[in-house]
């Protein structure tokens, strides 16, 4: 499979990466994390829900391999949601938000983002 991927690079006129570059390819990039988070922040609730429905856990495994930054973002978002609000005590709205979300078994891999 790896040979096929390298062959595809050459087919489209891209030089295959050297060993050092290959080692770095799957290291998450902070710049890419920022880009992805900014894009997610610009999406409407409806767009986030559509994205969540489209990205099933099975698809998520492939996406995380393609974009390792996505896994880091999901983990960070989950951590933020687990921490209690310190600046503004909005205890009444937290439970309501969770109740309004669809049941977990009907949600996709990005359920914590929407």
N, C-alpha and C. Protein backbone atom coordinates (compact mmCIF):
# COMPACT_ATOMS: atom_id res chain seq x y z
N UNK A 1 0.83 -1.19 0.00
CA UNK A 1 0.00 0.00 0.00
C UNK A 1 0.87 1.25 0.00
N UNK A 2 1.96 1.25 0.78
CA UNK A 2 2.84 2.42 0.83
C UNK A 2 3.42 2.70 -0.53
N UNK A 3 3.85 1.66 -1.24
CA UNK A 3 4.41 1.83 -2.57
C UNK A 3 3.41 2.47 -3.52
N UNK A 4 2.14 2.08 -3.38
CA UNK A 4 1.10 2.66 -4.22
C UNK A 4 0.93 4.14 -3.93
N UNK A 5 1.00 4.54 -2.67
CA UNK A 5 0.87 5.95 -2.30
C UNK A 5 2.00 6.76 -2.89
N UNK A 6 3.23 6.24 -2.79
CA UNK A 6 4.37 6.95 -3.35
C UNK A 6 4.23 7.04 -4.87
N UNK A 7 3.74 5.99 -5.48
CA UNK A 7 3.55 5.99 -6.91
C UNK A 7 2.54 7.07 -7.30
N UNK A 8 1.49 7.23 -6.53
CA UNK A 8 0.49 8.25 -6.82
C UNK A 8 1.11 9.65 -6.75
N UNK A 9 2.01 9.88 -5.81
CA UNK A 9 2.68 11.17 -5.72
C UNK A 9 3.45 11.47 -6.99
N UNK A 10 4.20 10.48 -7.45
CA UNK A 10 4.96 10.66 -8.68
C UNK A 10 4.05 10.87 -9.88
N UNK A 11 2.92 10.20 -9.90
CA UNK A 11 1.97 10.33 -11.00
C UNK A 11 1.43 11.75 -11.14
N UNK A 12 1.33 12.46 -10.03
CA UNK A 12 0.81 13.84 -10.08
C UNK A 12 1.93 14.87 -10.04
N UNK A 13 3.17 14.42 -10.22
CA UNK A 13 4.28 15.35 -10.32
C UNK A 13 4.84 15.84 -9.00
N UNK A 14 4.57 15.11 -7.92
CA UNK A 14 5.09 15.48 -6.60
C UNK A 14 6.22 14.54 -6.25
N UNK A 15 7.33 15.11 -5.83
CA UNK A 15 8.49 14.32 -5.44
C UNK A 15 8.19 13.58 -4.13
N UNK A 16 8.46 12.26 -4.08
CA UNK A 16 8.24 11.53 -2.82
C UNK A 16 9.11 12.12 -1.71
N UNK A 17 8.61 12.14 -0.48
CA UNK A 17 9.38 12.72 0.63
C UNK A 17 10.59 11.86 0.99
N UNK A 18 11.65 12.51 1.49
CA UNK A 18 12.81 11.77 1.97
C UNK A 18 12.48 11.19 3.35
N UNK A 19 13.39 10.43 3.92
CA UNK A 19 13.13 9.76 5.21
C UNK A 19 12.79 10.74 6.32
N UNK A 20 13.52 11.84 6.43
CA UNK A 20 13.24 12.82 7.49
C UNK A 20 11.85 13.40 7.33
N UNK A 21 11.49 13.73 6.11
CA UNK A 21 10.15 14.29 5.85
C UNK A 21 9.07 13.26 6.15
N UNK A 22 9.32 12.00 5.78
CA UNK A 22 8.33 10.94 6.04
C UNK A 22 8.06 10.79 7.54
N UNK A 23 9.11 10.97 8.37
CA UNK A 23 8.93 10.86 9.81
C UNK A 23 8.06 12.00 10.35
N UNK A 24 8.17 13.15 9.71
CA UNK A 24 7.44 14.34 10.18
C UNK A 24 6.02 14.43 9.64
N UNK A 25 5.72 13.67 8.61
CA UNK A 25 4.42 13.77 7.95
C UNK A 25 3.26 13.58 8.92
N UNK A 26 3.36 12.63 9.81
CA UNK A 26 2.23 12.34 10.69
C UNK A 26 2.33 13.00 12.06
N UNK A 27 3.29 13.91 12.23
CA UNK A 27 3.35 14.71 13.44
C UNK A 27 2.34 15.83 13.34
N UNK A 28 1.48 15.99 14.34
CA UNK A 28 0.48 17.06 14.28
C UNK A 28 1.13 18.44 14.18
N UNK A 29 0.52 19.30 13.42
CA UNK A 29 1.01 20.66 13.22
C UNK A 29 0.14 21.64 14.00
N UNK A 30 0.78 22.51 14.78
CA UNK A 30 0.02 23.50 15.54
C UNK A 30 -0.69 24.47 14.60
N UNK A 31 -0.03 24.80 13.48
CA UNK A 31 -0.65 25.71 12.51
C UNK A 31 -1.92 25.09 11.94
N UNK A 32 -1.87 23.80 11.62
CA UNK A 32 -3.04 23.12 11.08
C UNK A 32 -4.14 23.04 12.13
N UNK A 33 -3.77 22.83 13.39
CA UNK A 33 -4.77 22.81 14.47
C UNK A 33 -5.50 24.15 14.53
N UNK A 34 -4.74 25.24 14.41
CA UNK A 34 -5.33 26.57 14.45
C UNK A 34 -6.26 26.78 13.27
N UNK A 35 -5.82 26.35 12.09
CA UNK A 35 -6.66 26.48 10.89
C UNK A 35 -7.95 25.69 11.06
N UNK A 36 -7.85 24.44 11.50
CA UNK A 36 -9.04 23.61 11.66
C UNK A 36 -9.99 24.18 12.71
N UNK A 37 -9.44 24.64 13.83
CA UNK A 37 -10.28 25.20 14.89
C UNK A 37 -10.97 26.47 14.40
N UNK A 38 -10.26 27.30 13.65
CA UNK A 38 -10.85 28.52 13.12
C UNK A 38 -11.98 28.18 12.15
N UNK A 39 -11.76 27.19 11.32
CA UNK A 39 -12.81 26.78 10.38
C UNK A 39 -14.04 26.25 11.12
N UNK A 40 -13.80 25.44 12.15
CA UNK A 40 -14.92 24.92 12.94
C UNK A 40 -15.68 26.05 13.64
N UNK A 41 -14.94 27.02 14.15
CA UNK A 41 -15.56 28.14 14.86
C UNK A 41 -16.43 28.98 13.94
N UNK A 42 -16.13 28.99 12.65
CA UNK A 42 -16.89 29.77 11.69
C UNK A 42 -18.14 29.05 11.20
N UNK A 43 -18.28 27.79 11.54
CA UNK A 43 -19.43 27.01 11.08
C UNK A 43 -20.65 27.29 11.94
N UNK A 44 -21.81 27.20 11.31
CA UNK A 44 -23.07 27.35 12.05
C UNK A 44 -23.36 26.05 12.80
N UNK A 45 -24.28 26.12 13.71
CA UNK A 45 -24.70 24.93 14.46
C UNK A 45 -25.23 23.87 13.49
N UNK A 46 -25.95 24.30 12.49
CA UNK A 46 -26.50 23.38 11.49
C UNK A 46 -25.37 22.69 10.71
N UNK A 47 -24.35 23.45 10.32
CA UNK A 47 -23.22 22.88 9.61
C UNK A 47 -22.44 21.90 10.49
N UNK A 48 -22.26 22.25 11.76
CA UNK A 48 -21.57 21.35 12.69
C UNK A 48 -22.34 20.05 12.86
N UNK A 49 -23.65 20.16 12.96
CA UNK A 49 -24.48 18.95 13.11
C UNK A 49 -24.40 18.08 11.85
N UNK A 50 -24.41 18.71 10.67
CA UNK A 50 -24.29 17.95 9.42
C UNK A 50 -22.94 17.26 9.34
N UNK A 51 -21.89 17.96 9.74
CA UNK A 51 -20.55 17.39 9.77
C UNK A 51 -20.50 16.21 10.73
N UNK A 52 -21.12 16.38 11.88
CA UNK A 52 -21.14 15.33 12.89
C UNK A 52 -21.87 14.09 12.38
N UNK A 53 -22.97 14.29 11.68
CA UNK A 53 -23.71 13.14 11.14
C UNK A 53 -22.91 12.42 10.06
N UNK A 54 -22.15 13.18 9.27
CA UNK A 54 -21.39 12.59 8.18
C UNK A 54 -20.15 11.84 8.66
N UNK A 55 -19.57 12.29 9.77
CA UNK A 55 -18.34 11.67 10.26
C UNK A 55 -18.68 10.65 11.33
N UNK A 56 -18.85 9.43 10.87
CA UNK A 56 -19.13 8.33 11.78
C UNK A 56 -17.83 7.92 12.47
N UNK A 57 -17.90 7.14 13.54
CA UNK A 57 -16.67 6.68 14.18
C UNK A 57 -15.74 5.94 13.22
N UNK A 58 -16.29 5.17 12.28
CA UNK A 58 -15.46 4.45 11.31
C UNK A 58 -14.70 5.42 10.41
N UNK A 59 -15.40 6.44 9.92
CA UNK A 59 -14.78 7.45 9.07
C UNK A 59 -13.77 8.27 9.89
N UNK A 60 -14.08 8.48 11.15
CA UNK A 60 -13.21 9.28 12.01
C UNK A 60 -11.82 8.66 12.11
N UNK A 61 -11.74 7.34 12.16
CA UNK A 61 -10.43 6.67 12.25
C UNK A 61 -9.56 7.02 11.04
N UNK A 62 -10.15 7.08 9.88
CA UNK A 62 -9.40 7.42 8.67
C UNK A 62 -9.04 8.91 8.68
N UNK A 63 -9.97 9.74 9.10
CA UNK A 63 -9.71 11.18 9.14
C UNK A 63 -8.59 11.53 10.12
N UNK A 64 -8.55 10.85 11.24
CA UNK A 64 -7.50 11.11 12.24
C UNK A 64 -6.14 10.70 11.69
N UNK A 65 -6.11 9.65 10.88
CA UNK A 65 -4.85 9.27 10.26
C UNK A 65 -4.44 10.33 9.24
N UNK A 66 -5.40 10.85 8.50
CA UNK A 66 -5.14 11.87 7.49
C UNK A 66 -4.83 13.22 8.13
N UNK A 67 -5.56 13.56 9.18
CA UNK A 67 -5.39 14.82 9.90
C UNK A 67 -5.23 14.55 11.39
N UNK A 68 -4.03 14.21 11.86
CA UNK A 68 -3.84 13.91 13.28
C UNK A 68 -4.21 15.10 14.17
N UNK A 69 -4.20 16.29 13.61
CA UNK A 69 -4.58 17.49 14.37
C UNK A 69 -6.04 17.42 14.82
N UNK A 70 -6.86 16.73 14.05
CA UNK A 70 -8.27 16.61 14.39
C UNK A 70 -8.47 15.88 15.71
N UNK A 71 -7.70 14.83 15.95
CA UNK A 71 -7.80 14.09 17.21
C UNK A 71 -7.43 14.98 18.39
N UNK A 72 -6.39 15.78 18.22
CA UNK A 72 -5.96 16.69 19.29
C UNK A 72 -7.04 17.72 19.56
N UNK A 73 -7.66 18.24 18.52
CA UNK A 73 -8.74 19.22 18.70
C UNK A 73 -9.92 18.61 19.45
N UNK A 74 -10.29 17.42 19.08
CA UNK A 74 -11.42 16.74 19.74
C UNK A 74 -11.12 16.53 21.22
N UNK A 75 -9.88 16.13 21.53
CA UNK A 75 -9.50 15.93 22.92
C UNK A 75 -9.51 17.24 23.70
N UNK A 76 -9.02 18.31 23.08
CA UNK A 76 -9.02 19.61 23.76
C UNK A 76 -10.43 20.12 24.00
N UNK A 77 -11.29 19.96 23.01
CA UNK A 77 -12.68 20.40 23.16
C UNK A 77 -13.35 19.61 24.28
N UNK A 78 -13.09 18.32 24.35
CA UNK A 78 -13.67 17.49 25.41
C UNK A 78 -13.18 17.95 26.78
N UNK A 79 -11.89 18.30 26.89
CA UNK A 79 -11.34 18.79 28.16
C UNK A 79 -12.00 20.09 28.57
N UNK A 80 -12.18 20.99 27.62
CA UNK A 80 -12.80 22.29 27.92
C UNK A 80 -14.23 22.08 28.39
N UNK A 81 -14.94 21.16 27.76
CA UNK A 81 -16.33 20.91 28.14
C UNK A 81 -16.44 20.26 29.52
N UNK A 82 -15.41 19.52 29.92
CA UNK A 82 -15.42 18.87 31.23
C UNK A 82 -15.12 19.83 32.36
N UNK A 83 -14.40 20.92 32.06
CA UNK A 83 -14.04 21.88 33.09
C UNK A 83 -15.24 22.77 33.41
N UNK A 84 -15.50 23.02 34.70
CA UNK A 84 -16.59 23.92 35.04
C UNK A 84 -16.25 25.35 34.64
N UNK A 85 -17.27 26.10 34.27
CA UNK A 85 -17.08 27.51 33.91
C UNK A 85 -16.58 28.27 35.13
N UNK A 86 -15.47 28.99 34.99
CA UNK A 86 -14.92 29.73 36.10
C UNK A 86 -15.27 31.21 36.02
N UNK A 87 -15.31 31.76 34.80
CA UNK A 87 -15.57 33.18 34.66
C UNK A 87 -17.04 33.52 34.89
N UNK A 88 -17.92 32.78 34.24
CA UNK A 88 -19.35 33.06 34.35
C UNK A 88 -20.07 31.82 34.87
N UNK A 89 -20.61 31.89 36.06
CA UNK A 89 -21.36 30.74 36.57
C UNK A 89 -22.69 30.59 35.85
N UNK A 90 -22.75 29.71 34.86
CA UNK A 90 -23.97 29.49 34.09
C UNK A 90 -24.42 28.05 34.30
N UNK A 91 -24.56 27.66 35.54
CA UNK A 91 -24.88 26.29 35.88
C UNK A 91 -26.23 25.86 35.31
N UNK A 92 -27.17 26.79 35.18
CA UNK A 92 -28.48 26.43 34.70
C UNK A 92 -28.48 26.04 33.22
N UNK A 93 -27.62 26.65 32.40
CA UNK A 93 -27.64 26.38 30.97
C UNK A 93 -26.89 25.11 30.60
N UNK A 94 -25.92 24.69 31.37
CA UNK A 94 -25.15 23.48 31.04
C UNK A 94 -26.04 22.24 30.94
N UNK A 95 -26.85 21.93 31.95
CA UNK A 95 -27.69 20.73 31.84
C UNK A 95 -28.68 20.82 30.69
N UNK A 96 -29.21 22.00 30.40
CA UNK A 96 -30.17 22.15 29.31
C UNK A 96 -29.52 21.84 27.97
N UNK A 97 -28.29 22.31 27.76
CA UNK A 97 -27.59 22.05 26.51
C UNK A 97 -27.43 20.55 26.30
N UNK A 98 -27.06 19.84 27.33
CA UNK A 98 -26.84 18.40 27.21
C UNK A 98 -28.17 17.69 26.93
N UNK A 99 -29.26 18.13 27.54
CA UNK A 99 -30.55 17.49 27.32
C UNK A 99 -31.06 17.73 25.91
N UNK A 100 -30.71 18.86 25.29
CA UNK A 100 -31.19 19.18 23.96
C UNK A 100 -30.45 18.42 22.87
N UNK A 101 -29.28 17.89 23.16
CA UNK A 101 -28.52 17.14 22.17
C UNK A 101 -29.19 15.79 21.93
N UNK A 102 -29.09 15.28 20.70
CA UNK A 102 -29.66 13.95 20.43
C UNK A 102 -28.93 12.88 21.24
N UNK A 103 -29.56 11.73 21.44
CA UNK A 103 -28.91 10.65 22.19
C UNK A 103 -27.58 10.28 21.56
N UNK A 104 -26.63 9.90 22.39
CA UNK A 104 -25.26 9.64 21.94
C UNK A 104 -25.19 8.59 20.84
N UNK A 105 -26.07 7.59 20.88
CA UNK A 105 -25.97 6.54 19.87
C UNK A 105 -26.37 7.02 18.48
N UNK A 106 -27.04 8.14 18.34
CA UNK A 106 -27.41 8.67 17.03
C UNK A 106 -26.41 9.72 16.55
N UNK A 107 -25.40 10.00 17.35
CA UNK A 107 -24.46 11.06 17.00
C UNK A 107 -23.21 10.48 16.38
N UNK A 108 -22.53 11.29 15.61
CA UNK A 108 -21.30 10.87 14.94
C UNK A 108 -20.09 11.05 15.82
N UNK A 109 -18.94 10.97 15.21
CA UNK A 109 -17.67 11.02 15.93
C UNK A 109 -17.36 12.38 16.51
N UNK A 110 -17.97 13.44 15.98
CA UNK A 110 -17.66 14.78 16.45
C UNK A 110 -18.71 15.30 17.42
N UNK A 111 -19.37 14.42 18.12
CA UNK A 111 -20.49 14.82 18.98
C UNK A 111 -20.13 15.89 20.00
N UNK A 112 -18.87 15.98 20.41
CA UNK A 112 -18.49 16.97 21.41
C UNK A 112 -18.22 18.35 20.83
N UNK A 113 -18.16 18.46 19.52
CA UNK A 113 -17.87 19.75 18.90
C UNK A 113 -19.14 20.57 18.76
N UNK A 114 -20.22 19.95 18.34
CA UNK A 114 -21.49 20.67 18.10
C UNK A 114 -22.14 21.04 19.40
